[in-house]
PDB file of N, CA and C in Angstrom:
ATOM      1  N   UNK A   1       3.187 -11.556   3.911  1.00  0.00           N
ATOM      2  CA  UNK A   1       4.108 -11.869   2.844  1.00  0.00           C
ATOM      3  C   UNK A   1       4.266 -10.673   1.894  1.00  0.00           C
ATOM      4  N   UNK A   2       3.165 -10.075   1.486  1.00  0.00           N
ATOM      5  CA  UNK A   2       3.227  -8.942   0.563  1.00  0.00           C
ATOM      6  C   UNK A   2       3.975  -7.774   1.187  1.00  0.00           C
ATOM      7  N   UNK A   3       3.811  -7.566   2.493  1.00  0.00           N
ATOM      8  CA  UNK A   3       4.505  -6.459   3.159  1.00  0.00           C
ATOM      9  C   UNK A   3       6.010  -6.713   3.175  1.00  0.00           C
ATOM     10  N   UNK A   4       6.412  -7.935   3.444  1.00  0.00           N
ATOM     11  CA  UNK A   4       7.836  -8.278   3.418  1.00  0.00           C
ATOM     12  C   UNK A   4       8.428  -8.058   2.034  1.00  0.00           C
ATOM     13  N   UNK A   5       7.694  -8.447   1.005  1.00  0.00           N
ATOM     14  CA  UNK A   5       8.155  -8.228  -0.369  1.00  0.00           C
ATOM     15  C   UNK A   5       8.258  -6.736  -0.665  1.00  0.00           C
ATOM     16  N   UNK A   6       7.277  -5.976  -0.212  1.00  0.00           N
ATOM     17  CA  UNK A   6       7.281  -4.527  -0.387  1.00  0.00           C
ATOM     18  C   UNK A   6       8.519  -3.916   0.270  1.00  0.00           C
ATOM     19  N   UNK A   7       8.799  -4.299   1.507  1.00  0.00           N
ATOM     20  CA  UNK A   7       9.958  -3.774   2.235  1.00  0.00           C
ATOM     21  C   UNK A   7      11.248  -4.081   1.479  1.00  0.00           C
ATOM     22  N   UNK A   8      11.375  -5.303   0.993  1.00  0.00           N
ATOM     23  CA  UNK A   8      12.570  -5.679   0.250  1.00  0.00           C
ATOM     24  C   UNK A   8      12.700  -4.938  -1.068  1.00  0.00           C
ATOM     25  N   UNK A   9      11.628  -4.851  -1.802  1.00  0.00           N
ATOM     26  CA  UNK A   9      11.662  -4.218  -3.124  1.00  0.00           C
ATOM     27  C   UNK A   9      11.966  -2.733  -3.039  1.00  0.00           C
ATOM     28  N   UNK A  10      11.377  -2.047  -2.053  1.00  0.00           N
ATOM     29  CA  UNK A  10      11.517  -0.599  -1.964  1.00  0.00           C
ATOM     30  C   UNK A  10      12.490  -0.156  -0.868  1.00  0.00           C
ATOM     31  N   UNK A  11      13.185  -1.122  -0.246  1.00  0.00           N
ATOM     32  CA  UNK A  11      14.222  -0.792   0.725  1.00  0.00           C
ATOM     33  C   UNK A  11      13.735  -0.061   1.953  1.00  0.00           C
ATOM     34  N   UNK A  12      12.542  -0.385   2.395  1.00  0.00           N
ATOM     35  CA  UNK A  12      11.983   0.295   3.555  1.00  0.00           C
ATOM     36  C   UNK A  12      12.586  -0.245   4.853  1.00  0.00           C
ATOM     37  N   UNK A  13      12.757   0.648   5.808  1.00  0.00           N
ATOM     38  CA  UNK A  13      13.080   0.280   7.181  1.00  0.00           C
ATOM     39  C   UNK A  13      12.401   1.303   8.075  1.00  0.00           C
ATOM     40  N   UNK A  14      12.020   0.879   9.238  1.00  0.00           N
ATOM     41  CA  UNK A  14      11.285   1.741  10.153  1.00  0.00           C
ATOM     42  C   UNK A  14      12.054   1.825  11.463  1.00  0.00           C
ATOM     43  N   UNK A  15      12.053   2.998  12.069  1.00  0.00           N
ATOM     44  CA  UNK A  15      12.894   3.282  13.231  1.00  0.00           C
ATOM     45  C   UNK A  15      12.574   2.404  14.439  1.00  0.00           C
ATOM     46  N   UNK A  16      11.295   2.120  14.642  1.00  0.00           N
ATOM     47  CA  UNK A  16      10.905   1.342  15.818  1.00  0.00           C
ATOM     48  C   UNK A  16       9.912   0.257  15.404  1.00  0.00           C
ATOM     49  N   UNK A  17       9.718  -0.683  16.295  1.00  0.00           N
ATOM     50  CA  UNK A  17       8.726  -1.726  16.046  1.00  0.00           C
ATOM     51  C   UNK A  17       7.328  -1.105  15.958  1.00  0.00           C
ATOM     52  N   UNK A  18       7.076  -0.076  16.748  1.00  0.00           N
ATOM     53  CA  UNK A  18       5.781   0.612  16.684  1.00  0.00           C
ATOM     54  C   UNK A  18       5.574   1.230  15.309  1.00  0.00           C
ATOM     55  N   UNK A  19       6.612   1.875  14.760  1.00  0.00           N
ATOM     56  CA  UNK A  19       6.534   2.431  13.408  1.00  0.00           C
ATOM     57  C   UNK A  19       6.278   1.321  12.389  1.00  0.00           C
ATOM     58  N   UNK A  20       6.999   0.221  12.534  1.00  0.00           N
ATOM     59  CA  UNK A  20       6.844  -0.926  11.632  1.00  0.00           C
ATOM     60  C   UNK A  20       5.402  -1.441  11.666  1.00  0.00           C
ATOM     61  N   UNK A  21       4.876  -1.617  12.854  1.00  0.00           N
ATOM     62  CA  UNK A  21       3.503  -2.106  13.006  1.00  0.00           C
ATOM     63  C   UNK A  21       2.491  -1.122  12.430  1.00  0.00           C
ATOM     64  N   UNK A  22       2.733   0.167  12.642  1.00  0.00           N
ATOM     65  CA  UNK A  22       1.835   1.183  12.099  1.00  0.00           C
ATOM     66  C   UNK A  22       1.835   1.181  10.577  1.00  0.00           C
ATOM     67  N   UNK A  23       3.016   1.087   9.983  1.00  0.00           N
ATOM     68  CA  UNK A  23       3.112   1.054   8.527  1.00  0.00           C
ATOM     69  C   UNK A  23       2.545  -0.242   7.964  1.00  0.00           C
ATOM     70  N   UNK A  24       2.677  -1.333   8.719  1.00  0.00           N
ATOM     71  CA  UNK A  24       2.056  -2.588   8.297  1.00  0.00           C
ATOM     72  C   UNK A  24       0.543  -2.420   8.211  1.00  0.00           C
ATOM     73  N   UNK A  25      -0.051  -1.774   9.189  1.00  0.00           N
ATOM     74  CA  UNK A  25      -1.501  -1.554   9.185  1.00  0.00           C
ATOM     75  C   UNK A  25      -1.917  -0.697   7.990  1.00  0.00           C
ATOM     76  N   UNK A  26      -1.164   0.354   7.717  1.00  0.00           N
ATOM     77  CA  UNK A  26      -1.462   1.206   6.569  1.00  0.00           C
ATOM     78  C   UNK A  26      -1.340   0.393   5.284  1.00  0.00           C
ATOM     79  N   UNK A  27      -0.248  -0.359   5.168  1.00  0.00           N
ATOM     80  CA  UNK A  27      -0.040  -1.195   3.983  1.00  0.00           C
ATOM     81  C   UNK A  27      -1.185  -2.190   3.830  1.00  0.00           C
ATOM     82  N   UNK A  28      -1.557  -2.835   4.924  1.00  0.00           N
ATOM     83  CA  UNK A  28      -2.623  -3.833   4.868  1.00  0.00           C
ATOM     84  C   UNK A  28      -3.933  -3.218   4.381  1.00  0.00           C
ATOM     85  N   UNK A  29      -4.261  -2.040   4.873  1.00  0.00           N
ATOM     86  CA  UNK A  29      -5.482  -1.365   4.415  1.00  0.00           C
ATOM     87  C   UNK A  29      -5.385  -1.015   2.931  1.00  0.00           C
ATOM     88  N   UNK A  30      -4.242  -0.494   2.511  1.00  0.00           N
ATOM     89  CA  UNK A  30      -4.056  -0.166   1.103  1.00  0.00           C
ATOM     90  C   UNK A  30      -4.094  -1.422   0.232  1.00  0.00           C
ATOM     91  N   UNK A  31      -3.486  -2.501   0.703  1.00  0.00           N
ATOM     92  CA  UNK A  31      -3.478  -3.761  -0.033  1.00  0.00           C
ATOM     93  C   UNK A  31      -4.906  -4.278  -0.227  1.00  0.00           C
ATOM     94  N   UNK A  32      -5.682  -4.217   0.830  1.00  0.00           N
ATOM     95  CA  UNK A  32      -7.080  -4.663   0.729  1.00  0.00           C
ATOM     96  C   UNK A  32      -7.858  -3.807  -0.275  1.00  0.00           C
ATOM     97  N   UNK A  33      -7.614  -2.507  -0.255  1.00  0.00           N
ATOM     98  CA  UNK A  33      -8.273  -1.608  -1.199  1.00  0.00           C
ATOM     99  C   UNK A  33      -7.857  -1.943  -2.636  1.00  0.00           C
ATOM    100  N   UNK A  34      -6.589  -2.215  -2.837  1.00  0.00           N
ATOM    101  CA  UNK A  34      -6.083  -2.591  -4.164  1.00  0.00           C
ATOM    102  C   UNK A  34      -6.744  -3.875  -4.642  1.00  0.00           C
ATOM    103  N   UNK A  35      -6.807  -4.876  -3.779  1.00  0.00           N
ATOM    104  CA  UNK A  35      -7.405  -6.160  -4.156  1.00  0.00           C
ATOM    105  C   UNK A  35      -8.896  -6.005  -4.470  1.00  0.00           C
ATOM    106  N   UNK A  36      -9.613  -5.215  -3.673  1.00  0.00           N
ATOM    107  CA  UNK A  36     -11.044  -4.987  -3.918  1.00  0.00           C
ATOM    108  C   UNK A  36     -11.243  -4.250  -5.239  1.00  0.00           C
ATOM    109  N   UNK A  37     -10.416  -3.262  -5.489  1.00  0.00           N
ATOM    110  CA  UNK A  37     -10.497  -2.517  -6.744  1.00  0.00           C
ATOM    111  C   UNK A  37     -10.252  -3.450  -7.929  1.00  0.00           C
ATOM    112  N   UNK A  38      -9.209  -4.269  -7.836  1.00  0.00           N
ATOM    113  CA  UNK A  38      -8.865  -5.161  -8.943  1.00  0.00           C
ATOM    114  C   UNK A  38      -9.909  -6.253  -9.156  1.00  0.00           C
ATOM    115  N   UNK A  39     -10.625  -6.630  -8.107  1.00  0.00           N
ATOM    116  CA  UNK A  39     -11.725  -7.576  -8.275  1.00  0.00           C
ATOM    117  C   UNK A  39     -12.837  -6.934  -9.099  1.00  0.00           C
ATOM    118  N   UNK A  40     -13.109  -5.678  -8.850  1.00  0.00           N
ATOM    119  CA  UNK A  40     -14.101  -4.957  -9.650  1.00  0.00           C
ATOM    120  C   UNK A  40     -13.646  -4.877 -11.102  1.00  0.00           C
ATOM    121  N   UNK A  41     -12.340  -4.692 -11.312  1.00  0.00           N
ATOM    122  CA  UNK A  41     -11.802  -4.705 -12.677  1.00  0.00           C
ATOM    123  C   UNK A  41     -12.051  -6.064 -13.329  1.00  0.00           C
ATOM    124  N   UNK A  42     -11.748  -7.129 -12.599  1.00  0.00           N
ATOM    125  CA  UNK A  42     -11.960  -8.482 -13.124  1.00  0.00           C
ATOM    126  C   UNK A  42     -13.431  -8.736 -13.460  1.00  0.00           C
ATOM    127  N   UNK A  43     -14.320  -8.130 -12.700  1.00  0.00           N
ATOM    128  CA  UNK A  43     -15.761  -8.280 -12.930  1.00  0.00           C
ATOM    129  C   UNK A  43     -16.271  -7.367 -14.041  1.00  0.00           C
ATOM    130  N   UNK A  44     -15.392  -6.581 -14.629  1.00  0.00           N
ATOM    131  CA  UNK A  44     -15.786  -5.687 -15.707  1.00  0.00           C
ATOM    132  C   UNK A  44     -16.409  -4.388 -15.240  1.00  0.00           C
ATOM    133  N   UNK A  45     -16.329  -4.102 -13.950  1.00  0.00           N
ATOM    134  CA  UNK A  45     -16.927  -2.889 -13.406  1.00  0.00           C
ATOM    135  C   UNK A  45     -16.018  -1.665 -13.554  1.00  0.00           C
ATOM    136  N   UNK A  46     -14.727  -1.886 -13.713  1.00  0.00           N
ATOM    137  CA  UNK A  46     -13.755  -0.803 -13.850  1.00  0.00           C
ATOM    138  C   UNK A  46     -12.853  -1.088 -15.046  1.00  0.00           C
ATOM    139  N   UNK A  47     -12.192  -0.057 -15.535  1.00  0.00           N
ATOM    140  CA  UNK A  47     -11.367  -0.222 -16.731  1.00  0.00           C
ATOM    141  C   UNK A  47      -9.869  -0.131 -16.453  1.00  0.00           C
ATOM    142  N   UNK A  48      -9.468  -0.012 -15.205  1.00  0.00           N
ATOM    143  CA  UNK A  48      -8.045   0.079 -14.871  1.00  0.00           C
ATOM    144  C   UNK A  48      -7.771  -0.639 -13.556  1.00  0.00           C
ATOM    145  N   UNK A  49      -6.511  -1.031 -13.370  1.00  0.00           N
ATOM    146  CA  UNK A  49      -6.119  -1.759 -12.168  1.00  0.00           C
ATOM    147  C   UNK A  49      -5.225  -0.900 -11.282  1.00  0.00           C
ATOM    148  N   UNK A  50      -5.087  -1.343 -10.055  1.00  0.00           N
ATOM    149  CA  UNK A  50      -4.154  -0.747  -9.095  1.00  0.00           C
ATOM    150  C   UNK A  50      -3.076  -1.784  -8.792  1.00  0.00           C
ATOM    151  N   UNK A  51      -1.939  -1.309  -8.262  1.00  0.00           N
ATOM    152  CA  UNK A  51      -0.850  -2.215  -7.908  1.00  0.00           C
ATOM    153  C   UNK A  51      -0.083  -1.658  -6.713  1.00  0.00           C
ATOM    154  N   UNK A  52       0.654  -2.536  -6.054  1.00  0.00           N
ATOM    155  CA  UNK A  52       1.561  -2.127  -4.990  1.00  0.00           C
ATOM    156  C   UNK A  52       2.654  -1.278  -5.636  1.00  0.00           C
ATOM    157  N   UNK A  53       2.998  -0.159  -4.990  1.00  0.00           N
ATOM    158  CA  UNK A  53       4.096   0.671  -5.472  1.00  0.00           C
ATOM    159  C   UNK A  53       4.824   1.282  -4.277  1.00  0.00           C
ATOM    160  N   UNK A  54       5.734   2.193  -4.538  1.00  0.00           N
ATOM    161  CA  UNK A  54       6.559   2.775  -3.478  1.00  0.00           C
ATOM    162  C   UNK A  54       5.770   3.585  -2.463  1.00  0.00           C
ATOM    163  N   UNK A  55       4.521   3.862  -2.731  1.00  0.00           N
ATOM    164  CA  UNK A  55       3.692   4.654  -1.825  1.00  0.00           C
ATOM    165  C   UNK A  55       2.730   3.803  -0.987  1.00  0.00           C
ATOM    166  N   UNK A  56       2.795   2.514  -1.111  1.00  0.00           N
ATOM    167  CA  UNK A  56       1.791   1.624  -0.513  1.00  0.00           C
ATOM    168  C   UNK A  56       1.815   1.558   1.009  1.00  0.00           C
ATOM    169  N   UNK A  57       2.832   2.126   1.639  1.00  0.00           N
ATOM    170  CA  UNK A  57       2.835   2.173   3.103  1.00  0.00           C
ATOM    171  C   UNK A  57       2.469   3.558   3.628  1.00  0.00           C
ATOM    172  N   UNK A  58       1.917   4.390   2.751  1.00  0.00           N
ATOM    173  CA  UNK A  58       1.532   5.743   3.135  1.00  0.00           C
ATOM    174  C   UNK A  58       0.016   5.899   3.134  1.00  0.00           C
ATOM    175  N   UNK A  59      -0.470   6.687   4.087  1.00  0.00           N
ATOM    176  CA  UNK A  59      -1.877   7.055   4.050  1.00  0.00           C
ATOM    177  C   UNK A  59      -2.049   8.109   2.964  1.00  0.00           C
ATOM    178  N   UNK A  60      -3.277   8.347   2.579  1.00  0.00           N
ATOM    179  CA  UNK A  60      -3.553   9.388   1.595  1.00  0.00           C
ATOM    180  C   UNK A  60      -3.083  10.741   2.108  1.00  0.00           C
ATOM    181  N   UNK A  61      -3.271  10.992   3.399  1.00  0.00           N
ATOM    182  CA  UNK A  61      -2.855  12.255   3.994  1.00  0.00           C
ATOM    183  C   UNK A  61      -1.336  12.403   3.950  1.00  0.00           C
ATOM    184  N   UNK A  62      -0.599  11.330   4.264  1.00  0.00           N
ATOM    185  CA  UNK A  62       0.858  11.377   4.189  1.00  0.00           C
ATOM    186  C   UNK A  62       1.335  11.653   2.766  1.00  0.00           C
ATOM    187  N   UNK A  63       0.726  10.997   1.813  1.00  0.00           N
ATOM    188  CA  UNK A  63       1.088  11.192   0.412  1.00  0.00           C
ATOM    189  C   UNK A  63       0.859  12.642  -0.003  1.00  0.00           C
ATOM    190  N   UNK A  64      -0.313  13.171   0.326  1.00  0.00           N
ATOM    191  CA  UNK A  64      -0.638  14.553  -0.045  1.00  0.00           C
ATOM    192  C   UNK A  64       0.320  15.540   0.608  1.00  0.00           C
ATOM    193  N   UNK A  65       0.617  15.324   1.879  1.00  0.00           N
ATOM    194  CA  UNK A  65       1.512  16.235   2.594  1.00  0.00           C
ATOM    195  C   UNK A  65       2.920  16.212   2.006  1.00  0.00           C
ATOM    196  N   UNK A  66       3.374  15.072   1.569  1.00  0.00           N
ATOM    197  CA  UNK A  66       4.737  14.948   1.066  1.00  0.00           C
ATOM    198  C   UNK A  66       4.888  15.316  -0.407  1.00  0.00           C
ATOM    199  N   UNK A  67       3.896  14.976  -1.237  1.00  0.00           N
ATOM    200  CA  UNK A  67       4.091  15.095  -2.671  1.00  0.00           C
ATOM    201  C   UNK A  67       3.184  16.097  -3.384  1.00  0.00           C
ATOM    202  N   UNK A  68       2.141  16.559  -2.741  1.00  0.00           N
ATOM    203  CA  UNK A  68       1.232  17.483  -3.433  1.00  0.00           C
ATOM    204  C   UNK A  68       1.246  18.860  -2.813  1.00  0.00           C
TER     205      UNK A  68
END
């Protein structure tokens, strides 16, 4: 559900079903990391939260290669 919302909000489309599935896996891993981080925030262990954004279907390596 979150991936579908992400695709709609950020206008994502992927060339092939394989690309779609690959980006879903990346998104799912990032989503899990976001949820785990925010749970630590809720527990008072951290002072800031994470959220889904336009980069949530990218690996850290993809982000660095494209934007840094």
